[in-house]
């Protein structure tokens, strides 16, 4: 059983690796910012707790749906030959990882796990924030979409739907909070950066 499980791992390794790199960088960034005093404390939340829970569940459901195939093929001895479409999926997922990490670096101490205003919060406009207003969510969606392309399963397609709902929910909440917090500066930023999430598209 163990040997069969290990034999199936290479087929799904890119799916796991994309999320591992994403969350690994996030964890390392938080540790670094706390250690260097760059992590800003929360001033106030921009949404009720139940909204944050709902958003977390949406993204969690998307991830589970994309790693669940590994569980379902446990012991089946699935072949590990990758198709060009699967290679495309891996590329899309890791482009998403890279885009999200790029955005996280520019966001710095302003980042939080939920929609929150930090003490000394500033409006980030550099790096990918000069292209779209919510680049981290664009990166996350690319990871979900890339993994779905790679897997090519019905559950992965459902994961894309959950991922899209998570992004739409989170973006609409953040747009309202940023407008309330930054007012005129936010309105000017929206005129400078017209695209909400996808560069040159949306």
N, C-alpha and C. Protein backbone atom coordinates (compact mmCIF):
# COMPACT_ATOMS: atom_id res chain seq x y z
N UNK A 1 0.82 -1.21 0.00
CA UNK A 1 0.00 0.00 0.00
C UNK A 1 0.86 1.26 0.00
N UNK A 2 1.91 1.29 0.83
CA UNK A 2 2.77 2.46 0.89
C UNK A 2 3.47 2.69 -0.44
N UNK A 3 3.96 1.60 -1.06
CA UNK A 3 4.65 1.74 -2.34
C UNK A 3 3.72 2.25 -3.42
N UNK A 4 2.45 1.82 -3.40
CA UNK A 4 1.47 2.29 -4.38
C UNK A 4 1.15 3.77 -4.16
N UNK A 5 1.06 4.15 -2.91
CA UNK A 5 0.81 5.56 -2.58
C UNK A 5 1.94 6.44 -3.09
N UNK A 6 3.18 6.00 -2.83
CA UNK A 6 4.35 6.76 -3.27
C UNK A 6 4.43 6.82 -4.79
N UNK A 7 3.97 5.74 -5.45
CA UNK A 7 3.99 5.71 -6.91
C UNK A 7 3.02 6.73 -7.49
N UNK A 8 1.94 7.00 -6.78
CA UNK A 8 0.94 7.96 -7.27
C UNK A 8 1.33 9.40 -6.99
N UNK A 9 2.24 9.61 -6.05
CA UNK A 9 2.59 10.97 -5.64
C UNK A 9 3.10 11.86 -6.78
N UNK A 10 3.99 11.37 -7.68
CA UNK A 10 4.51 12.26 -8.71
C UNK A 10 3.43 12.89 -9.59
N UNK A 11 2.30 12.21 -9.79
CA UNK A 11 1.25 12.74 -10.63
C UNK A 11 0.64 13.99 -10.02
N UNK A 12 0.59 14.05 -8.70
CA UNK A 12 -0.08 15.15 -8.03
C UNK A 12 0.87 16.10 -7.33
N UNK A 13 2.17 15.83 -7.40
CA UNK A 13 3.14 16.66 -6.72
C UNK A 13 3.05 18.14 -7.09
N UNK A 14 2.88 18.50 -8.39
CA UNK A 14 2.78 19.92 -8.72
C UNK A 14 1.61 20.62 -8.03
N UNK A 15 0.51 19.91 -7.84
CA UNK A 15 -0.65 20.51 -7.18
C UNK A 15 -0.31 20.84 -5.74
N UNK A 16 0.32 19.89 -5.07
CA UNK A 16 0.73 20.13 -3.70
C UNK A 16 1.80 21.21 -3.62
N UNK A 17 2.77 21.14 -4.51
CA UNK A 17 3.91 22.04 -4.44
C UNK A 17 3.51 23.50 -4.60
N UNK A 18 2.58 23.78 -5.50
CA UNK A 18 2.14 25.16 -5.70
C UNK A 18 1.61 25.76 -4.40
N UNK A 19 0.74 25.02 -3.73
CA UNK A 19 0.17 25.51 -2.47
C UNK A 19 1.21 25.53 -1.36
N UNK A 20 2.13 24.57 -1.35
CA UNK A 20 3.17 24.55 -0.32
C UNK A 20 4.07 25.77 -0.44
N UNK A 21 4.47 26.11 -1.66
CA UNK A 21 5.32 27.28 -1.88
C UNK A 21 4.57 28.55 -1.48
N UNK A 22 3.30 28.63 -1.88
CA UNK A 22 2.48 29.80 -1.57
C UNK A 22 2.38 30.01 -0.06
N UNK A 23 1.92 29.00 0.65
CA UNK A 23 1.73 29.14 2.10
C UNK A 23 3.06 29.17 2.86
N UNK A 24 4.06 28.50 2.31
CA UNK A 24 5.38 28.55 2.94
C UNK A 24 5.95 29.96 2.92
N UNK A 25 5.80 30.64 1.78
CA UNK A 25 6.29 32.02 1.69
C UNK A 25 5.51 32.93 2.62
N UNK A 26 4.20 32.72 2.68
CA UNK A 26 3.36 33.55 3.56
C UNK A 26 3.82 33.39 5.01
N UNK A 27 4.00 32.15 5.43
CA UNK A 27 4.43 31.91 6.80
C UNK A 27 5.78 32.53 7.09
N UNK A 28 6.72 32.37 6.17
CA UNK A 28 8.06 32.93 6.35
C UNK A 28 8.01 34.46 6.39
N UNK A 29 7.14 35.06 5.58
CA UNK A 29 7.02 36.52 5.56
C UNK A 29 6.52 37.06 6.89
N UNK A 30 5.52 36.38 7.46
CA UNK A 30 4.98 36.81 8.75
C UNK A 30 6.04 36.71 9.84
N UNK A 31 6.75 35.59 9.87
CA UNK A 31 7.80 35.40 10.86
C UNK A 31 8.86 36.49 10.73
N UNK A 32 9.27 36.77 9.50
CA UNK A 32 10.29 37.80 9.26
C UNK A 32 9.81 39.18 9.69
N UNK A 33 8.57 39.52 9.34
CA UNK A 33 8.05 40.85 9.67
C UNK A 33 7.87 41.03 11.18
N UNK A 34 7.43 39.98 11.85
CA UNK A 34 7.30 40.04 13.30
C UNK A 34 8.67 40.19 13.95
N UNK A 35 9.64 39.42 13.47
CA UNK A 35 10.98 39.43 14.05
C UNK A 35 11.69 40.77 13.84
N UNK A 36 11.39 41.43 12.72
CA UNK A 36 12.05 42.70 12.41
C UNK A 36 11.21 43.92 12.79
N UNK A 37 10.05 43.69 13.39
CA UNK A 37 9.20 44.79 13.81
C UNK A 37 8.46 45.48 12.68
N UNK A 38 8.37 44.83 11.53
CA UNK A 38 7.69 45.43 10.38
C UNK A 38 6.21 45.03 10.28
N UNK A 39 5.82 44.06 11.08
CA UNK A 39 4.43 43.59 11.03
C UNK A 39 3.55 44.56 11.81
N UNK A 40 2.59 45.14 11.14
CA UNK A 40 1.73 46.15 11.76
C UNK A 40 0.56 45.49 12.50
N UNK A 41 0.22 46.03 13.66
CA UNK A 41 -0.88 45.50 14.44
C UNK A 41 -2.23 45.91 13.85
N UNK A 42 -3.22 45.07 14.08
CA UNK A 42 -4.56 45.35 13.59
C UNK A 42 -5.18 46.53 14.32
N UNK A 43 -5.79 47.41 13.53
CA UNK A 43 -6.52 48.54 14.13
C UNK A 43 -8.01 48.24 14.19
N UNK A 44 -8.55 47.77 13.06
CA UNK A 44 -9.96 47.38 13.06
C UNK A 44 -10.23 46.48 11.87
N UNK A 45 -11.23 45.63 12.02
CA UNK A 45 -11.63 44.72 10.96
C UNK A 45 -12.60 45.41 10.02
N UNK A 46 -12.56 45.00 8.76
CA UNK A 46 -13.45 45.58 7.78
C UNK A 46 -14.65 44.71 7.46
N UNK A 47 -14.84 43.64 8.24
CA UNK A 47 -15.95 42.75 7.99
C UNK A 47 -16.29 41.98 9.26
N UNK A 48 -17.50 41.49 9.41
CA UNK A 48 -17.86 40.70 10.58
C UNK A 48 -17.14 39.36 10.56
N UNK A 49 -16.97 38.73 11.74
CA UNK A 49 -16.24 37.45 11.80
C UNK A 49 -16.83 36.36 10.91
N UNK A 50 -18.16 36.33 10.79
CA UNK A 50 -18.78 35.28 9.97
C UNK A 50 -18.43 35.42 8.50
N UNK A 51 -18.19 36.65 8.04
CA UNK A 51 -17.79 36.86 6.66
C UNK A 51 -16.39 36.32 6.42
N UNK A 52 -15.50 36.56 7.38
CA UNK A 52 -14.13 36.05 7.27
C UNK A 52 -14.14 34.53 7.26
N UNK A 53 -14.98 33.93 8.08
CA UNK A 53 -15.09 32.47 8.13
C UNK A 53 -15.60 31.93 6.80
N UNK A 54 -16.62 32.59 6.24
CA UNK A 54 -17.19 32.15 4.97
C UNK A 54 -16.15 32.20 3.85
N UNK A 55 -15.34 33.25 3.82
CA UNK A 55 -14.30 33.37 2.80
C UNK A 55 -13.24 32.30 2.98
N UNK A 56 -12.87 32.04 4.21
CA UNK A 56 -11.88 31.00 4.48
C UNK A 56 -12.39 29.63 4.03
N UNK A 57 -13.67 29.37 4.28
CA UNK A 57 -14.26 28.09 3.89
C UNK A 57 -14.30 27.94 2.37
N UNK A 58 -14.56 29.03 1.66
CA UNK A 58 -14.60 28.97 0.20
C UNK A 58 -13.24 28.58 -0.37
N UNK A 59 -12.18 29.26 0.11
CA UNK A 59 -10.84 28.94 -0.39
C UNK A 59 -10.43 27.56 0.08
N UNK A 60 -10.77 27.23 1.33
CA UNK A 60 -10.44 25.90 1.84
C UNK A 60 -11.10 24.80 1.03
N UNK A 61 -12.36 25.02 0.64
CA UNK A 61 -13.07 24.03 -0.18
C UNK A 61 -12.39 23.86 -1.53
N UNK A 62 -11.93 24.97 -2.12
CA UNK A 62 -11.25 24.89 -3.41
C UNK A 62 -9.97 24.06 -3.30
N UNK A 63 -9.21 24.29 -2.23
CA UNK A 63 -7.95 23.55 -2.05
C UNK A 63 -8.23 22.07 -1.81
N UNK A 64 -9.20 21.77 -0.97
CA UNK A 64 -9.53 20.37 -0.68
C UNK A 64 -9.97 19.65 -1.94
N UNK A 65 -10.77 20.30 -2.76
CA UNK A 65 -11.25 19.68 -3.99
C UNK A 65 -10.11 19.38 -4.96
N UNK A 66 -9.01 20.14 -4.83
CA UNK A 66 -7.89 19.92 -5.75
C UNK A 66 -6.85 18.95 -5.19
N UNK A 67 -6.83 18.74 -3.91
CA UNK A 67 -5.90 17.75 -3.37
C UNK A 67 -6.61 16.43 -3.09
N UNK A 68 -7.94 16.44 -3.09
CA UNK A 68 -8.72 15.23 -2.86
C UNK A 68 -8.42 14.11 -3.87
N UNK A 69 -8.17 14.43 -5.15
CA UNK A 69 -7.86 13.34 -6.09
C UNK A 69 -6.70 12.47 -5.65
N UNK A 70 -5.73 13.03 -4.93
CA UNK A 70 -4.62 12.22 -4.44
C UNK A 70 -5.12 11.15 -3.48
N UNK A 71 -6.08 11.54 -2.65
CA UNK A 71 -6.64 10.58 -1.71
C UNK A 71 -7.41 9.50 -2.45
N UNK A 72 -8.17 9.90 -3.46
CA UNK A 72 -9.02 8.95 -4.18
C UNK A 72 -8.24 7.95 -5.02
N UNK A 73 -7.02 8.31 -5.43
CA UNK A 73 -6.23 7.37 -6.23
C UNK A 73 -5.24 6.58 -5.38
N UNK A 74 -5.34 6.75 -4.07
CA UNK A 74 -4.45 6.03 -3.17
C UNK A 74 -4.50 4.52 -3.48
N UNK A 75 -3.38 4.02 -3.91
CA UNK A 75 -3.28 2.59 -4.14
C UNK A 75 -3.76 2.14 -5.51
N UNK A 76 -4.05 3.07 -6.44
CA UNK A 76 -4.55 2.65 -7.74
C UNK A 76 -3.43 2.49 -8.76
N UNK A 77 -2.24 2.99 -8.43
CA UNK A 77 -1.13 2.86 -9.37
C UNK A 77 -1.33 3.68 -10.62
N UNK A 78 -1.76 4.93 -10.48
CA UNK A 78 -2.00 5.81 -11.62
C UNK A 78 -0.70 6.08 -12.37
N UNK A 79 -0.80 6.14 -13.69
CA UNK A 79 0.38 6.44 -14.50
C UNK A 79 0.83 7.87 -14.26
N UNK A 80 2.10 8.14 -14.49
CA UNK A 80 2.64 9.47 -14.21
C UNK A 80 3.13 10.17 -15.47
N UNK A 81 2.51 9.92 -16.59
CA UNK A 81 2.87 10.60 -17.83
C UNK A 81 2.09 11.91 -17.93
N UNK A 82 2.81 13.02 -18.09
CA UNK A 82 2.17 14.33 -18.11
C UNK A 82 1.86 14.74 -19.55
N UNK A 83 0.67 15.26 -19.76
CA UNK A 83 0.26 15.75 -21.07
C UNK A 83 0.64 17.22 -21.22
N UNK A 84 0.64 17.76 -22.45
CA UNK A 84 0.91 19.19 -22.63
C UNK A 84 -0.08 20.06 -21.86
N UNK A 85 -1.33 19.62 -21.77
CA UNK A 85 -2.33 20.39 -21.02
C UNK A 85 -1.98 20.44 -19.54
N UNK A 86 -1.49 19.32 -19.01
CA UNK A 86 -1.07 19.30 -17.61
C UNK A 86 0.13 20.22 -17.39
N UNK A 87 1.05 20.23 -18.35
CA UNK A 87 2.20 21.12 -18.25
C UNK A 87 1.75 22.58 -18.23
N UNK A 88 0.73 22.90 -19.04
CA UNK A 88 0.16 24.24 -19.05
C UNK A 88 -0.43 24.58 -17.68
N UNK A 89 -1.13 23.62 -17.10
CA UNK A 89 -1.72 23.84 -15.79
C UNK A 89 -0.67 24.14 -14.73
N UNK A 90 0.43 23.41 -14.76
CA UNK A 90 1.51 23.65 -13.81
C UNK A 90 2.08 25.06 -14.01
N UNK A 91 2.27 25.45 -15.27
CA UNK A 91 2.80 26.78 -15.57
C UNK A 91 1.88 27.88 -15.04
N UNK A 92 0.59 27.73 -15.28
CA UNK A 92 -0.39 28.72 -14.82
C UNK A 92 -0.37 28.82 -13.30
N UNK A 93 -0.34 27.66 -12.63
CA UNK A 93 -0.33 27.65 -11.16
C UNK A 93 0.89 28.37 -10.61
N UNK A 94 2.06 28.12 -11.19
CA UNK A 94 3.27 28.73 -10.64
C UNK A 94 3.43 30.19 -11.06
N UNK A 95 2.82 30.58 -12.16
CA UNK A 95 2.74 32.02 -12.48
C UNK A 95 1.91 32.71 -11.40
N UNK A 96 0.84 32.04 -11.00
CA UNK A 96 0.01 32.57 -9.92
C UNK A 96 0.78 32.69 -8.62
N UNK A 97 1.56 31.66 -8.28
CA UNK A 97 2.39 31.71 -7.07
C UNK A 97 3.35 32.90 -7.14
N UNK A 98 4.01 33.05 -8.28
CA UNK A 98 4.98 34.14 -8.43
C UNK A 98 4.32 35.51 -8.34
N UNK A 99 3.15 35.65 -8.96
CA UNK A 99 2.46 36.94 -8.94
C UNK A 99 2.02 37.28 -7.52
N UNK A 100 1.50 36.29 -6.80
CA UNK A 100 1.05 36.52 -5.42
C UNK A 100 2.23 36.89 -4.51
N UNK A 101 3.35 36.20 -4.68
CA UNK A 101 4.53 36.50 -3.86
C UNK A 101 5.06 37.89 -4.17
N UNK A 102 5.07 38.26 -5.44
CA UNK A 102 5.49 39.61 -5.84
C UNK A 102 4.63 40.66 -5.14
N UNK A 103 3.33 40.43 -5.13
CA UNK A 103 2.41 41.36 -4.49
C UNK A 103 2.62 41.38 -2.97
N UNK A 104 2.83 40.22 -2.39
CA UNK A 104 3.02 40.14 -0.93
C UNK A 104 4.25 40.91 -0.50
N UNK A 105 5.29 40.86 -1.29
CA UNK A 105 6.52 41.59 -0.98
C UNK A 105 6.26 43.09 -0.95
N UNK A 106 5.47 43.59 -1.87
CA UNK A 106 5.18 45.02 -1.92
C UNK A 106 4.18 45.43 -0.84
N UNK A 107 3.30 44.54 -0.47
CA UNK A 107 2.30 44.86 0.55
C UNK A 107 2.94 44.94 1.93
N UNK A 108 3.92 44.09 2.19
CA UNK A 108 4.66 44.15 3.45
C UNK A 108 3.77 44.05 4.68
N UNK A 109 4.01 44.93 5.65
CA UNK A 109 3.29 44.90 6.92
C UNK A 109 1.83 45.26 6.82
N UNK A 110 1.39 45.76 5.67
CA UNK A 110 -0.04 46.07 5.49
C UNK A 110 -0.88 44.81 5.31
N UNK A 111 -0.23 43.69 5.04
CA UNK A 111 -0.98 42.46 4.78
C UNK A 111 -1.64 41.94 6.05
N UNK A 112 -2.81 41.34 5.89
CA UNK A 112 -3.47 40.64 6.99
C UNK A 112 -4.24 39.47 6.42
N UNK A 113 -4.56 38.50 7.27
CA UNK A 113 -5.25 37.30 6.81
C UNK A 113 -6.70 37.53 6.47
N UNK A 114 -7.29 38.59 7.03
CA UNK A 114 -8.65 38.94 6.67
C UNK A 114 -8.69 40.40 6.26
N UNK A 115 -9.85 40.90 5.95
CA UNK A 115 -9.97 42.29 5.48
C UNK A 115 -9.87 43.21 6.70
N UNK A 116 -8.71 43.85 6.84
CA UNK A 116 -8.40 44.59 8.06
C UNK A 116 -7.61 45.85 7.74
N UNK A 117 -7.84 46.88 8.55
CA UNK A 117 -7.00 48.07 8.52
C UNK A 117 -5.97 47.93 9.62
N UNK A 118 -4.70 48.11 9.26
CA UNK A 118 -3.61 48.01 10.23
C UNK A 118 -3.26 49.39 10.78
N UNK A 119 -2.58 49.42 11.90
CA UNK A 119 -2.09 50.68 12.43
C UNK A 119 -1.00 51.20 11.50
N UNK A 120 -1.13 52.45 11.08
CA UNK A 120 -0.19 53.01 10.12
C UNK A 120 -0.37 52.46 8.72
N UNK A 121 -1.57 51.99 8.42
CA UNK A 121 -1.86 51.38 7.12
C UNK A 121 -1.65 52.41 6.00
N UNK A 122 -1.00 51.97 4.95
CA UNK A 122 -0.79 52.83 3.78
C UNK A 122 -1.35 52.15 2.54
N UNK A 123 -1.63 52.93 1.54
CA UNK A 123 -2.17 52.40 0.29
C UNK A 123 -1.01 52.00 -0.62
N UNK A 124 -0.87 50.71 -0.86
CA UNK A 124 0.23 50.20 -1.69
C UNK A 124 -0.09 50.41 -3.16
N UNK A 125 0.85 51.02 -3.88
CA UNK A 125 0.62 51.32 -5.29
C UNK A 125 1.77 50.85 -6.18
N UNK A 126 2.76 50.18 -5.60
CA UNK A 126 3.95 49.80 -6.34
C UNK A 126 3.88 48.35 -6.83
N UNK A 127 4.84 47.97 -7.66
CA UNK A 127 4.90 46.60 -8.16
C UNK A 127 3.63 46.20 -8.87
N UNK A 128 3.07 45.03 -8.57
CA UNK A 128 1.85 44.58 -9.24
C UNK A 128 0.64 45.45 -8.92
N UNK A 129 0.73 46.23 -7.84
CA UNK A 129 -0.38 47.13 -7.49
C UNK A 129 -0.48 48.31 -8.44
N UNK A 130 0.52 48.46 -9.30
CA UNK A 130 0.45 49.46 -10.36
C UNK A 130 -0.24 48.89 -11.59
N UNK A 131 -0.50 47.58 -11.58
CA UNK A 131 -1.17 46.91 -12.70
C UNK A 131 -2.63 46.58 -12.39
N UNK A 132 -2.85 46.03 -11.20
CA UNK A 132 -4.21 45.68 -10.75
C UNK A 132 -4.34 46.05 -9.27
N UNK A 133 -5.57 46.23 -8.82
CA UNK A 133 -5.78 46.67 -7.44
C UNK A 133 -5.71 45.52 -6.43
N UNK A 134 -5.90 44.29 -6.90
CA UNK A 134 -5.91 43.15 -5.99
C UNK A 134 -5.07 42.00 -6.56
N UNK A 135 -3.77 42.21 -6.69
CA UNK A 135 -2.92 41.20 -7.35
C UNK A 135 -2.78 39.88 -6.60
N UNK A 136 -2.86 39.89 -5.28
CA UNK A 136 -2.73 38.63 -4.54
C UNK A 136 -3.88 37.70 -4.91
N UNK A 137 -5.08 38.25 -5.03
CA UNK A 137 -6.23 37.42 -5.37
C UNK A 137 -6.15 36.92 -6.80
N UNK A 138 -5.55 37.71 -7.67
CA UNK A 138 -5.30 37.24 -9.03
C UNK A 138 -4.37 36.04 -9.00
N UNK A 139 -3.31 36.15 -8.19
CA UNK A 139 -2.37 35.03 -8.06
C UNK A 139 -3.02 33.79 -7.50
N UNK A 140 -3.84 33.95 -6.47
CA UNK A 140 -4.54 32.81 -5.87
C UNK A 140 -5.45 32.14 -6.89
N UNK A 141 -6.18 32.95 -7.66
CA UNK A 141 -7.08 32.36 -8.65
C UNK A 141 -6.31 31.61 -9.72
N UNK A 142 -5.15 32.13 -10.10
CA UNK A 142 -4.33 31.42 -11.09
C UNK A 142 -3.85 30.07 -10.54
N UNK A 143 -3.53 30.03 -9.26
CA UNK A 143 -3.12 28.75 -8.67
C UNK A 143 -4.27 27.75 -8.74
N UNK A 144 -5.46 28.20 -8.34
CA UNK A 144 -6.63 27.31 -8.37
C UNK A 144 -6.91 26.86 -9.81
N UNK A 145 -6.89 27.82 -10.75
CA UNK A 145 -7.20 27.50 -12.15
C UNK A 145 -6.13 26.59 -12.75
N UNK A 146 -4.86 26.87 -12.45
CA UNK A 146 -3.78 26.05 -12.98
C UNK A 146 -3.86 24.62 -12.48
N UNK A 147 -4.15 24.46 -11.19
CA UNK A 147 -4.29 23.12 -10.63
C UNK A 147 -5.48 22.40 -11.26
N UNK A 148 -6.56 23.14 -11.54
CA UNK A 148 -7.74 22.54 -12.16
C UNK A 148 -7.42 22.06 -13.57
N UNK A 149 -6.68 22.86 -14.32
CA UNK A 149 -6.26 22.46 -15.67
C UNK A 149 -5.40 21.21 -15.59
N UNK A 150 -4.50 21.19 -14.63
CA UNK A 150 -3.60 20.05 -14.46
C UNK A 150 -4.36 18.77 -14.14
N UNK A 151 -5.33 18.88 -13.23
CA UNK A 151 -6.06 17.68 -12.79
C UNK A 151 -7.11 17.25 -13.81
N UNK A 152 -7.82 18.23 -14.39
CA UNK A 152 -8.84 17.90 -15.39
C UNK A 152 -9.99 17.08 -14.84
N UNK A 153 -10.36 17.31 -13.58
CA UNK A 153 -11.45 16.56 -12.96
C UNK A 153 -12.64 17.47 -12.70
N UNK A 154 -13.79 16.84 -12.48
CA UNK A 154 -15.00 17.61 -12.17
C UNK A 154 -14.84 18.34 -10.84
N UNK A 155 -14.20 17.69 -9.88
CA UNK A 155 -14.01 18.34 -8.58
C UNK A 155 -13.09 19.54 -8.70
N UNK A 156 -12.10 19.48 -9.59
CA UNK A 156 -11.20 20.61 -9.79
C UNK A 156 -11.95 21.77 -10.45
N UNK A 157 -12.87 21.45 -11.37
CA UNK A 157 -13.69 22.49 -11.99
C UNK A 157 -14.56 23.18 -10.94
N UNK A 158 -15.08 22.41 -10.00
CA UNK A 158 -15.86 22.98 -8.91
C UNK A 158 -14.98 23.85 -8.02
N UNK A 159 -13.73 23.44 -7.89
CA UNK A 159 -12.78 24.23 -7.10
C UNK A 159 -12.60 25.62 -7.70
N UNK A 160 -12.59 25.71 -9.02
CA UNK A 160 -12.47 27.01 -9.70
C UNK A 160 -13.66 27.90 -9.35
N UNK A 161 -14.84 27.30 -9.30
CA UNK A 161 -16.04 28.07 -8.94
C UNK A 161 -15.92 28.60 -7.51
N UNK A 162 -15.47 27.75 -6.59
CA UNK A 162 -15.28 28.19 -5.21
C UNK A 162 -14.20 29.27 -5.13
N UNK A 163 -13.14 29.08 -5.90
CA UNK A 163 -12.07 30.08 -5.92
C UNK A 163 -12.55 31.42 -6.43
N UNK A 164 -13.37 31.40 -7.48
CA UNK A 164 -13.92 32.63 -8.04
C UNK A 164 -14.83 33.33 -7.04
N UNK A 165 -15.63 32.56 -6.31
CA UNK A 165 -16.50 33.13 -5.29
C UNK A 165 -15.69 33.76 -4.16
N UNK A 166 -14.63 33.08 -3.76
CA UNK A 166 -13.74 33.63 -2.72
C UNK A 166 -13.17 34.96 -3.16
N UNK A 167 -12.64 35.01 -4.38
CA UNK A 167 -12.03 36.24 -4.90
C UNK A 167 -13.06 37.36 -5.00
N UNK A 168 -14.23 37.06 -5.55
CA UNK A 168 -15.27 38.08 -5.71
C UNK A 168 -15.71 38.63 -4.36
N UNK A 169 -15.90 37.74 -3.40
CA UNK A 169 -16.33 38.10 -2.06
C UNK A 169 -15.28 39.00 -1.39
N UNK A 170 -14.03 38.56 -1.44
CA UNK A 170 -12.96 39.29 -0.78
C UNK A 170 -12.69 40.64 -1.44
N UNK A 171 -12.70 40.68 -2.77
CA UNK A 171 -12.44 41.93 -3.49
C UNK A 171 -13.51 42.97 -3.20
N UNK A 172 -14.77 42.57 -3.24
CA UNK A 172 -15.85 43.53 -2.99
C UNK A 172 -15.75 44.10 -1.58
N UNK A 173 -15.37 43.25 -0.61
CA UNK A 173 -15.23 43.71 0.77
C UNK A 173 -14.07 44.69 0.90
N UNK A 174 -12.95 44.37 0.29
CA UNK A 174 -11.77 45.23 0.38
C UNK A 174 -11.98 46.55 -0.35
N UNK A 175 -12.68 46.52 -1.47
CA UNK A 175 -12.94 47.76 -2.20
C UNK A 175 -13.72 48.74 -1.32
N UNK A 176 -14.72 48.24 -0.62
CA UNK A 176 -15.51 49.10 0.27
C UNK A 176 -14.66 49.65 1.42
N UNK A 177 -13.83 48.79 2.00
CA UNK A 177 -13.00 49.22 3.12
C UNK A 177 -11.96 50.24 2.69
N UNK A 178 -11.32 50.02 1.55
CA UNK A 178 -10.31 50.96 1.07
C UNK A 178 -10.91 52.32 0.75
N UNK A 179 -12.12 52.31 0.19
CA UNK A 179 -12.79 53.57 -0.11
C UNK A 179 -13.11 54.33 1.17
N UNK A 180 -13.58 53.60 2.19
CA UNK A 180 -13.92 54.23 3.47
C UNK A 180 -12.68 54.76 4.18
N UNK A 181 -11.56 54.03 4.06
CA UNK A 181 -10.35 54.40 4.78
C UNK A 181 -9.56 55.50 4.09
N UNK A 182 -9.42 55.41 2.77
CA UNK A 182 -8.51 56.31 2.06
C UNK A 182 -9.21 57.38 1.23
N UNK A 183 -10.53 57.25 1.06
CA UNK A 183 -11.31 58.30 0.42
C UNK A 183 -10.79 58.77 -0.93
N UNK A 184 -10.41 60.03 -0.98
CA UNK A 184 -9.95 60.65 -2.22
C UNK A 184 -8.73 59.95 -2.80
N UNK A 185 -7.80 59.54 -1.94
CA UNK A 185 -6.60 58.84 -2.42
C UNK A 185 -6.97 57.54 -3.12
N UNK A 186 -7.96 56.83 -2.57
CA UNK A 186 -8.41 55.58 -3.18
C UNK A 186 -9.08 55.84 -4.52
N UNK A 187 -9.89 56.88 -4.61
CA UNK A 187 -10.57 57.21 -5.85
C UNK A 187 -9.56 57.56 -6.95
N UNK A 188 -8.52 58.30 -6.58
CA UNK A 188 -7.48 58.64 -7.56
C UNK A 188 -6.72 57.38 -7.99
N UNK A 189 -6.47 56.50 -7.03
CA UNK A 189 -5.79 55.25 -7.35
C UNK A 189 -6.62 54.40 -8.31
N UNK A 190 -7.92 54.36 -8.09
CA UNK A 190 -8.81 53.60 -8.98
C UNK A 190 -8.78 54.15 -10.40
N UNK A 191 -8.61 55.47 -10.53
CA UNK A 191 -8.52 56.06 -11.87
C UNK A 191 -7.19 55.70 -12.53
N UNK A 192 -6.14 55.63 -11.73
CA UNK A 192 -4.82 55.28 -12.25
C UNK A 192 -4.74 53.79 -12.60
N UNK A 193 -5.34 52.95 -11.75
CA UNK A 193 -5.31 51.51 -11.96
C UNK A 193 -6.74 51.03 -12.15
N UNK A 194 -7.16 50.94 -13.40
CA UNK A 194 -8.56 50.63 -13.71
C UNK A 194 -8.90 49.16 -13.52
N UNK A 195 -7.88 48.31 -13.62
CA UNK A 195 -8.15 46.87 -13.57
C UNK A 195 -8.20 46.37 -12.12
N UNK A 196 -9.26 45.65 -11.81
CA UNK A 196 -9.48 45.20 -10.45
C UNK A 196 -8.60 44.01 -10.10
N UNK A 197 -8.56 43.02 -11.00
CA UNK A 197 -7.86 41.78 -10.65
C UNK A 197 -7.03 41.19 -11.78
N UNK A 198 -7.46 41.33 -13.04
CA UNK A 198 -6.72 40.74 -14.15
C UNK A 198 -6.11 41.85 -15.01
N UNK A 199 -4.79 41.94 -15.10
CA UNK A 199 -4.16 43.00 -15.90
C UNK A 199 -4.68 43.04 -17.33
N UNK A 200 -5.07 44.22 -17.76
CA UNK A 200 -5.53 44.48 -19.13
C UNK A 200 -6.83 43.79 -19.49
N UNK A 201 -7.49 43.19 -18.52
CA UNK A 201 -8.73 42.45 -18.82
C UNK A 201 -9.87 42.91 -17.93
N UNK A 202 -9.71 42.76 -16.62
CA UNK A 202 -10.83 43.00 -15.70
C UNK A 202 -10.38 43.79 -14.48
